[in-house]
Protein backbone atom coordinates (compact mmCIF):
# COMPACT_ATOMS: atom_id res chain seq x y z
CA GLY A 1 54.00 109.58 102.88
CA PRO A 2 54.69 109.93 98.83
CA SER A 3 55.39 106.39 97.31
CA GLN A 4 54.58 105.31 93.94
CA PRO A 5 51.86 102.77 95.21
CA GLN A 6 49.99 105.67 96.30
CA LEU A 7 50.57 107.63 93.34
CA LEU A 8 49.49 104.76 90.97
CA GLN A 9 46.24 104.08 93.21
CA ALA A 10 45.57 107.53 92.54
CA LEU A 11 46.01 107.31 89.08
CA THR A 12 43.52 103.93 88.27
CA PRO A 13 40.18 106.22 87.28
CA ILE A 14 42.28 107.94 84.71
CA PHE A 15 43.25 104.40 82.84
CA ASN A 16 39.30 104.07 82.61
CA LEU A 17 39.30 106.91 80.40
CA SER A 18 41.94 105.44 78.01
CA ALA A 19 39.42 104.86 75.00
CA ILE A 20 38.75 108.61 74.72
CA ARG A 21 40.56 111.74 73.41
CA PRO A 22 42.45 112.94 76.89
CA VAL A 23 40.68 116.50 76.82
CA MET A 24 38.01 118.21 78.71
CA ASN A 25 36.19 120.10 75.65
CA MET A 26 35.96 118.09 72.80
CA THR A 27 36.78 121.33 70.49
CA THR A 28 39.77 121.56 72.07
CA SER A 29 42.95 119.98 70.10
CA THR A 30 45.71 117.50 71.38
CA ASN A 31 48.70 119.29 70.05
CA VAL A 32 51.37 115.77 69.45
CA SER A 33 55.06 116.39 69.12
CA MET A 34 56.56 113.50 67.15
CA TYR A 35 59.72 113.24 65.55
CA PHE A 36 62.23 110.22 64.78
CA ILE A 37 65.98 109.84 64.60
CA LEU A 38 67.46 107.77 61.96
CA TYR A 39 70.05 105.38 62.87
CA GLY A 40 70.54 103.80 60.21
CA VAL A 41 69.81 102.67 56.55
CA LEU A 42 70.19 98.74 56.37
CA GLY A 43 69.55 98.24 52.96
CA VAL A 44 67.52 99.53 49.72
CA VAL A 45 66.48 96.32 48.21
CA SER A 46 62.93 95.43 46.83
CA PRO A 47 61.09 97.13 48.32
CA PRO A 48 63.75 99.31 49.83
CA ASN A 49 64.62 99.26 53.70
CA LEU A 50 65.00 102.65 55.75
CA GLU A 51 65.37 100.70 58.92
CA SER A 52 66.49 101.47 62.28
CA ASP A 53 64.55 104.54 63.58
CA ASP A 54 63.22 106.21 66.89
CA PHE A 55 60.19 107.66 66.89
CA THR A 56 59.42 110.06 69.69
CA GLY A 57 55.95 111.40 71.02
CA TRP A 58 55.20 114.05 73.47
CA TRP A 59 51.31 115.30 74.24
CA LYS A 60 48.92 116.62 76.93
CA ASN A 61 46.72 114.12 79.04
CA GLU A 62 44.46 116.90 80.55
CA PHE A 63 42.58 114.24 82.97
CA VAL A 64 45.46 114.44 85.34
CA THR A 65 47.61 116.49 86.81
CA TRP A 66 49.67 116.13 90.81
CA ASP A 67 51.83 118.00 92.65
CA PRO A 68 55.01 116.56 92.63
CA VAL A 69 55.96 117.89 96.21
CA GLN A 70 53.09 115.79 97.85
CA CYS A 71 53.29 112.62 95.94
CA GLY A 72 57.41 112.33 95.78
CA THR A 73 57.85 112.55 91.72
CA ASP A 74 57.34 114.79 88.76
CA LYS A 75 56.82 111.54 86.51
CA ILE A 76 56.28 107.73 86.68
CA SER A 77 56.09 104.89 84.19
CA LEU A 78 53.13 103.21 82.97
CA PRO A 79 52.05 100.87 80.90
CA ARG A 80 51.00 102.35 76.89
CA THR A 81 47.81 100.04 76.73
CA LYS A 82 46.65 102.42 79.49
CA PHE A 83 46.69 105.68 78.12
CA TRP A 84 45.07 106.99 74.56
CA ALA A 85 47.95 107.57 71.63
CA PRO A 86 47.40 109.35 68.48
CA ASP A 87 46.83 107.18 65.28
CA ILE A 88 49.79 108.76 63.26
CA VAL A 89 51.44 105.99 61.09
CA ILE A 90 53.12 105.44 57.94
CA ASN A 91 51.78 105.11 55.15
CA GLU A 92 54.90 103.09 53.40
CA PHE A 93 54.73 100.85 55.91
CA MET A 94 55.36 97.23 53.87
CA ASP A 95 56.29 94.75 56.60
CA GLU A 96 55.28 93.84 60.16
CA ASN A 97 57.50 96.41 63.10
CA THR A 98 60.20 93.37 63.99
CA ALA A 99 62.12 96.09 66.07
CA PRO A 100 61.84 95.42 70.55
CA VAL A 101 58.41 96.43 71.88
CA VAL A 102 58.89 99.03 74.57
CA PRO A 103 55.76 98.59 76.85
CA PHE A 104 56.13 101.81 79.23
CA VAL A 105 55.47 105.32 78.59
CA TYR A 106 56.45 108.37 80.73
CA LEU A 107 53.49 110.46 82.56
CA TYR A 108 54.65 113.76 84.00
CA SER A 109 52.84 115.80 86.74
CA ASN A 110 52.08 118.14 84.55
CA GLY A 111 49.49 115.72 81.94
CA MET A 112 52.39 115.64 79.77
CA LEU A 113 52.73 111.84 78.27
CA HIS A 114 56.31 111.12 76.73
CA ASP A 115 56.58 108.20 74.55
CA ALA A 116 59.49 106.25 72.42
CA LEU A 117 59.95 103.39 70.63
CA PRO A 118 62.28 101.97 68.02
CA VAL A 119 60.70 101.25 64.50
CA ARG A 120 62.40 98.83 61.90
CA VAL A 121 60.63 100.75 59.03
CA VAL A 122 60.19 98.06 55.72
CA SER A 123 58.70 100.67 53.36
CA SER A 124 58.12 101.06 49.47
CA CYS A 125 60.13 103.51 47.32
CA ASN A 126 60.23 104.87 43.68
CA LEU A 127 64.05 103.83 42.96
CA ASP A 128 65.74 106.27 40.06
CA ILE A 129 68.47 103.82 38.86
CA TYR A 130 69.17 105.90 35.83
CA THR A 131 72.54 107.69 37.04
CA PHE A 132 73.19 104.09 39.43
CA PRO A 133 75.86 104.09 41.33
CA PHE A 134 75.85 107.68 41.57
CA ASP A 135 72.35 107.71 42.43
CA ILE A 136 70.23 109.89 45.20
CA GLN A 137 67.23 107.97 46.33
CA ASN A 138 64.05 109.61 47.69
CA CYS A 139 62.54 107.44 49.63
CA THR A 140 59.27 108.99 51.32
CA LEU A 141 58.13 108.43 54.93
CA THR A 142 54.42 109.68 54.93
CA PHE A 143 53.29 110.75 58.27
CA ASN A 144 49.45 110.81 58.80
CA SER A 145 46.33 110.27 60.82
CA TYR A 146 43.77 108.09 59.50
CA ILE A 147 40.84 108.35 61.86
CA HIS A 148 41.46 111.81 63.10
CA GLN A 149 41.23 115.25 60.99
CA SER A 150 45.20 116.62 61.44
CA GLU A 151 47.27 119.43 60.76
CA LEU A 152 50.47 118.48 60.96
CA SER A 153 54.07 120.72 60.68
CA PRO A 154 57.83 119.49 60.44
CA HIS A 155 60.39 119.80 62.64
CA LYS A 156 63.66 121.40 61.54
CA GLN A 157 66.60 119.35 63.87
CA ILE A 158 65.53 115.86 62.66
CA THR A 159 68.36 115.51 59.82
CA GLN A 160 71.56 116.77 62.04
CA THR A 161 70.53 115.11 65.36
CA SER A 162 70.11 112.02 62.45
CA LYS A 163 73.41 112.47 61.08
CA ASN A 164 75.08 112.79 64.42
CA VAL A 165 73.65 109.56 65.91
CA ILE A 166 73.56 107.57 62.85
CA THR A 167 75.91 104.40 63.26
CA THR A 168 76.01 102.49 59.83
CA MET A 169 78.71 103.17 57.60
CA GLY A 170 77.62 100.96 54.10
CA GLU A 171 76.66 101.12 51.16
CA TRP A 172 73.93 104.29 51.60
CA GLU A 173 74.97 107.81 53.22
CA LEU A 174 72.28 110.09 54.58
CA LEU A 175 72.20 113.33 52.67
CA ASP A 176 69.47 114.91 54.28
CA ILE A 177 65.88 114.75 55.51
CA SER A 178 63.33 117.31 53.95
CA SER A 179 60.12 117.83 54.64
CA HIS A 180 56.88 118.17 52.22
CA LYS A 181 53.87 119.54 53.64
CA PRO A 182 51.32 118.88 50.43
CA GLU A 183 48.50 121.78 49.56
CA THR A 184 45.18 120.29 50.83
CA ASP A 185 41.54 121.76 50.94
CA LEU A 186 40.88 122.70 54.48
CA SER A 187 37.29 123.14 54.23
CA ASP A 188 36.85 118.89 53.32
CA ASP A 189 35.44 117.46 56.74
CA LYS A 190 37.70 114.44 55.36
CA TYR A 191 41.09 116.56 55.15
CA ILE A 192 43.94 114.47 56.69
CA ASP A 193 47.16 115.92 56.41
CA HIS A 194 50.43 114.70 55.75
CA LEU A 195 54.21 114.54 56.16
CA ASP A 196 56.74 113.63 53.16
CA PHE A 197 60.22 113.36 54.47
CA HIS A 198 62.86 112.19 51.98
CA VAL A 199 66.27 110.76 52.20
CA VAL A 200 69.30 109.16 51.08
CA ARG A 201 72.48 109.03 48.73
CA ARG A 202 74.42 105.60 47.84
CA ARG A 203 77.98 105.38 48.15
CA ALA A 204 79.27 105.00 44.70
CA MET A 205 83.17 103.98 45.54
CA LEU A 206 82.62 100.09 45.99
CA TYR A 207 80.93 100.14 42.63
CA VAL A 208 83.52 102.33 40.92
CA ILE A 209 86.73 100.13 42.11
CA ASN A 210 84.50 96.87 41.07
CA LEU A 211 83.04 97.76 38.28
CA LEU A 212 84.08 101.25 36.35
CA ILE A 213 87.80 100.88 36.99
CA PRO A 214 88.02 97.08 35.47
CA SER A 215 85.78 97.86 32.72
CA CYS A 216 87.85 101.14 31.87
CA PHE A 217 91.14 98.49 32.33
CA LEU A 218 89.78 96.22 29.63
CA ILE A 219 88.54 98.72 27.22
CA THR A 220 92.31 100.72 27.52
CA VAL A 221 93.80 96.89 26.42
CA ASP A 222 91.75 97.00 23.87
CA LEU A 223 92.67 100.18 22.33
CA PHE A 224 96.40 99.47 23.02
CA SER A 225 95.67 96.13 20.89
CA PHE A 226 95.72 98.37 17.58
CA MET A 227 99.27 98.43 17.87
CA LEU A 228 99.85 95.12 17.22
CA PRO A 229 100.36 94.33 13.94
CA PRO A 230 97.90 92.36 12.12
CA HIS A 231 100.14 90.75 9.28
CA SER A 232 102.64 88.94 11.49
CA VAL A 233 100.89 88.65 14.94
CA ASP A 234 97.15 86.78 15.28
CA ARG A 235 95.61 90.24 16.67
CA SER A 236 91.98 88.58 16.81
CA SER A 237 93.10 85.73 18.78
CA PHE A 238 94.21 88.20 21.55
CA LYS A 239 91.15 90.60 21.28
CA MET A 240 88.61 87.37 21.34
CA THR A 241 90.08 86.18 24.49
CA LEU A 242 89.73 90.26 25.76
CA ILE A 243 85.83 89.75 24.21
CA LEU A 244 85.84 86.59 26.26
CA GLY A 245 87.29 87.96 29.55
CA TYR A 246 84.95 90.73 29.65
CA THR A 247 81.57 88.60 29.59
CA VAL A 248 83.08 86.38 32.07
CA PHE A 249 83.12 89.69 34.20
CA LEU A 250 79.54 91.37 33.43
CA LEU A 251 78.23 87.45 34.37
CA ILE A 252 80.53 87.20 38.01
CA MET A 253 78.96 91.45 38.69
CA ASN A 254 75.87 90.64 37.44
CA ASP A 255 74.82 90.65 41.47
CA LEU A 256 76.04 94.36 42.26
CA LEU A 257 74.10 95.49 39.46
CA PRO A 258 70.47 97.37 39.97
CA ILE A 259 67.46 95.53 39.03
CA THR A 260 65.94 97.30 36.00
CA GLY A 261 62.67 98.52 35.65
CA ASN A 262 61.18 101.16 33.55
CA THR A 263 64.28 102.91 32.97
CA ILE A 264 67.74 101.34 31.85
CA PRO A 265 70.55 102.10 34.28
CA LEU A 266 73.42 104.81 32.50
CA ILE A 267 76.40 102.28 33.56
CA ASN A 268 74.06 99.16 32.01
CA VAL A 269 74.60 101.43 28.66
CA PHE A 270 78.02 102.44 29.65
CA PHE A 271 78.80 98.17 29.94
CA SER A 272 76.91 97.60 26.32
CA LEU A 273 79.18 100.51 24.64
CA CYS A 274 82.62 98.73 26.00
CA LEU A 275 81.39 95.33 24.63
CA ALA A 276 79.77 96.90 21.52
CA MET A 277 83.48 98.17 21.00
CA MET A 278 85.38 95.24 21.52
CA VAL A 279 83.08 93.47 19.21
CA ALA A 280 83.52 96.35 16.81
CA SER A 281 87.48 96.03 17.06
CA LEU A 282 87.58 92.20 16.40
CA LEU A 283 85.45 92.86 13.23
CA GLU A 284 88.31 95.24 11.91
CA THR A 285 90.78 93.17 13.05
CA ILE A 286 89.27 89.83 10.88
CA LEU A 287 88.59 92.74 8.01
CA ILE A 288 91.88 94.06 7.81
CA THR A 289 93.80 90.77 8.61
CA ASN A 290 91.47 89.18 5.30
CA LEU A 291 92.72 92.11 3.03
CA LEU A 292 96.30 91.97 3.64
CA SER A 293 96.50 87.58 3.64
CA ASN A 294 94.74 87.45 0.33
CA SER A 295 96.06 90.85 -1.18
CA ASP A 296 97.76 89.13 -4.09
CA LYS A 297 94.84 87.46 -5.33
CA LEU A 298 92.96 90.33 -5.20
CA PRO A 299 92.11 92.52 -8.37
CA PRO A 300 94.39 95.69 -9.57
CA LEU A 301 93.58 98.61 -7.17
CA PRO A 302 90.53 101.02 -8.85
CA ARG A 303 91.50 103.90 -9.82
CA TRP A 304 88.60 105.58 -7.36
CA VAL A 305 89.77 102.99 -4.53
CA SER A 306 93.42 104.67 -4.66
CA VAL A 307 92.31 108.06 -5.10
CA VAL A 308 90.04 108.01 -1.89
CA PHE A 309 92.58 105.87 0.01
CA LEU A 310 95.81 106.19 -0.88
CA GLN A 311 95.49 110.09 -1.60
CA CYS A 312 93.09 111.31 0.50
CA LEU A 313 92.79 109.35 3.89
CA GLY A 314 96.48 108.19 3.51
CA HIS A 315 97.55 111.71 3.88
CA LEU A 316 95.09 111.97 6.69
CA VAL A 317 96.12 109.30 8.73
CA CYS A 318 99.90 109.60 8.22
CA LEU A 319 100.46 106.94 5.93
CA PRO A 320 101.38 108.44 2.35
CA PRO A 321 101.24 106.62 -0.56
CA LYS A 322 104.98 105.27 -1.23
CA THR A 323 106.96 106.06 -4.17
CA LYS A 324 106.76 103.76 -7.08
CA HIS A 325 110.04 102.16 -7.83
CA ARG A 326 109.15 99.89 -10.70
CA LYS A 327 112.66 97.68 -12.24
CA HIS A 328 112.15 96.80 -15.55
CA PRO A 329 113.97 93.54 -16.83
CA GLY A 330 117.56 94.80 -18.71
CA PHE A 331 117.00 92.31 -21.60
CA LYS A 332 117.93 93.74 -25.13
CA LEU A 333 116.39 91.50 -27.62
CA ASP A 334 118.44 91.52 -30.86
CA THR A 335 115.57 90.63 -33.79
CA ASP A 336 118.37 90.15 -35.86
CA LEU A 337 120.22 87.64 -34.27
CA GLY A 338 119.18 85.25 -37.15
CA ARG A 339 121.37 87.51 -39.48
CA GLN A 340 124.44 87.06 -37.43
CA GLY A 341 124.26 83.07 -36.75
CA ALA A 342 123.44 80.14 -38.98
CA GLY A 343 120.98 77.28 -38.41
CA GLU A 344 117.27 77.01 -38.07
CA GLY A 345 115.98 79.01 -35.17
CA PRO A 346 117.08 82.53 -35.79
CA MET A 347 113.69 83.52 -34.09
CA GLU A 348 113.43 81.25 -31.10
CA PRO A 349 115.56 83.65 -28.92
CA ALA A 350 113.36 86.50 -29.32
CA VAL A 351 110.37 84.81 -28.55
CA GLU A 352 112.01 83.35 -25.42
CA GLY A 353 112.97 86.57 -24.57
CA GLY A 354 109.89 88.34 -25.03
CA ALA A 355 107.74 85.21 -22.74
CA ILE A 356 110.42 85.83 -19.91
CA ARG A 357 109.86 89.95 -20.29
CA LEU A 358 105.68 89.02 -20.12
CA GLN A 359 106.25 86.95 -17.08
CA VAL A 360 108.30 89.18 -15.19
CA GLU A 361 106.06 92.27 -15.32
CA GLN A 362 102.97 90.51 -14.72
CA LYS A 363 104.93 89.33 -11.76
CA LEU A 364 106.10 92.92 -11.28
CA GLY A 365 102.18 94.19 -11.29
CA ASN A 366 100.75 91.76 -9.32
CA SER A 367 103.13 92.40 -6.82
CA GLN A 368 102.58 96.04 -7.09
CA SER A 369 98.58 95.25 -6.63
CA ALA A 370 99.53 93.21 -3.53
CA GLU A 371 101.63 96.40 -2.20
CA GLU A 372 99.10 98.80 -2.60
CA TRP A 373 95.88 96.61 -1.15
CA MET A 374 98.20 95.94 1.88
CA GLN A 375 98.35 99.88 1.96
CA VAL A 376 95.19 99.91 1.85
CA GLY A 377 94.34 97.63 4.51
CA PHE A 378 96.86 99.61 6.73
CA ILE A 379 95.40 102.72 6.06
CA ILE A 380 91.74 101.57 6.81
CA ASP A 381 93.24 100.35 10.23
CA ARG A 382 95.07 103.69 11.14
CA LEU A 383 91.75 105.33 10.15
CA LEU A 384 89.21 102.90 12.34
CA PHE A 385 91.94 103.42 15.50
CA GLY A 386 91.55 107.11 15.32
CA LEU A 387 87.64 106.97 14.58
CA TYR A 388 87.85 104.21 17.85
CA ILE A 389 89.70 106.96 20.11
CA ILE A 390 87.49 109.73 19.19
CA PHE A 391 84.35 107.36 19.64
CA ILE A 392 85.22 106.39 22.84
CA THR A 393 86.44 109.24 24.21
CA VAL A 394 83.04 111.44 23.56
CA SER A 395 81.19 108.77 25.16
CA PHE A 396 83.23 108.21 28.36
CA PHE A 397 83.08 112.06 28.70
CA THR A 398 79.26 112.30 28.07
CA ILE A 399 78.26 109.54 30.41
CA ILE A 400 80.86 110.84 32.61
CA ILE A 401 79.43 114.39 32.72
CA ILE A 402 76.02 112.90 33.19
CA TRP A 403 77.06 110.89 36.24
CA VAL A 404 78.76 114.04 37.92
CA ASN A 405 75.69 116.61 37.15
CA SER A 406 73.21 114.30 39.17
CA TYR A 407 75.70 113.65 41.84
CA TYR A 408 76.17 116.97 42.24
CA ASN A 409 72.55 118.08 41.40
């Protein structure tokens, strides 16, 4: 009667032929159908890891067939080492396969051999991190045979099957697995074909919440700090505290940023821009504070400064020059006081009154000059505030447009 030991004994002569390709005629090609299922992307580091794959292959062994009715079964599991196997490998393999070993294959009654094994691939990838964290990475898995002349064709169901069974919901999202068949000269005796498979997209929500939103909050606070009156509040201390906090924030979040290569990520430009704007805002505050504090010590306002700032820029930023109301002292000095009185000092009241008038006019002039310099300071502060808003808005929209185009294209 049919039994597995009897079938194994009948197949024993076939094991001695495992060193050669299982065809009767050497000109006959062995068609190997191999596909893989991507169960998860466990990490993309340096080098990236595309891990937890399941590779399955089918090919025909022409040395063996049997009648499933007489032998009692249409398939039997046997050790993999007993059979010839194709040398289809992944070129990007950078480390030893640490997946569990599956020692058996299935041999069917018609000679078809089914081989399936898990593979943990640690491969090398060329990462383009310019649009991080909204980047799409094309990590390539190149399949080819090093020994045999081969011609490979892509399998169309790999992407959908992998999306249905993928288990990891971490940083990376499986976007597509597309195949590419390079053009090669078929007349070349050393012709070895290969297939390229491209994979994954980063999930950006983690970086948006941890990096971009806090940066936007801090730059918004710095922007509204312009509303603090520089002449009565120490605005510079507030801005220095913001810069210190932002620097500490970048140091803490440095581990989330990618390791830069030949290309600087756009997010690094974003952070540098935010820090540069905060520093520029602090320098502007120092300038304005110094101008307002020392306005009474400055010389009279030059004519061109008055025209440019008070007349032109003042109207532009909605701070027109104030109407001058100069109060002159109401002294009426009588030079004939000497005629109306007696004594030896008829000219003393006139001299004393002239000195008082000179001092009062000098003080009024200094006060008017100080007010003009303070007005210039307020105009510069309002003007730089407007330029700050325009520059930040244009820069942010430019970076956002680049990120959006990269993410959806």
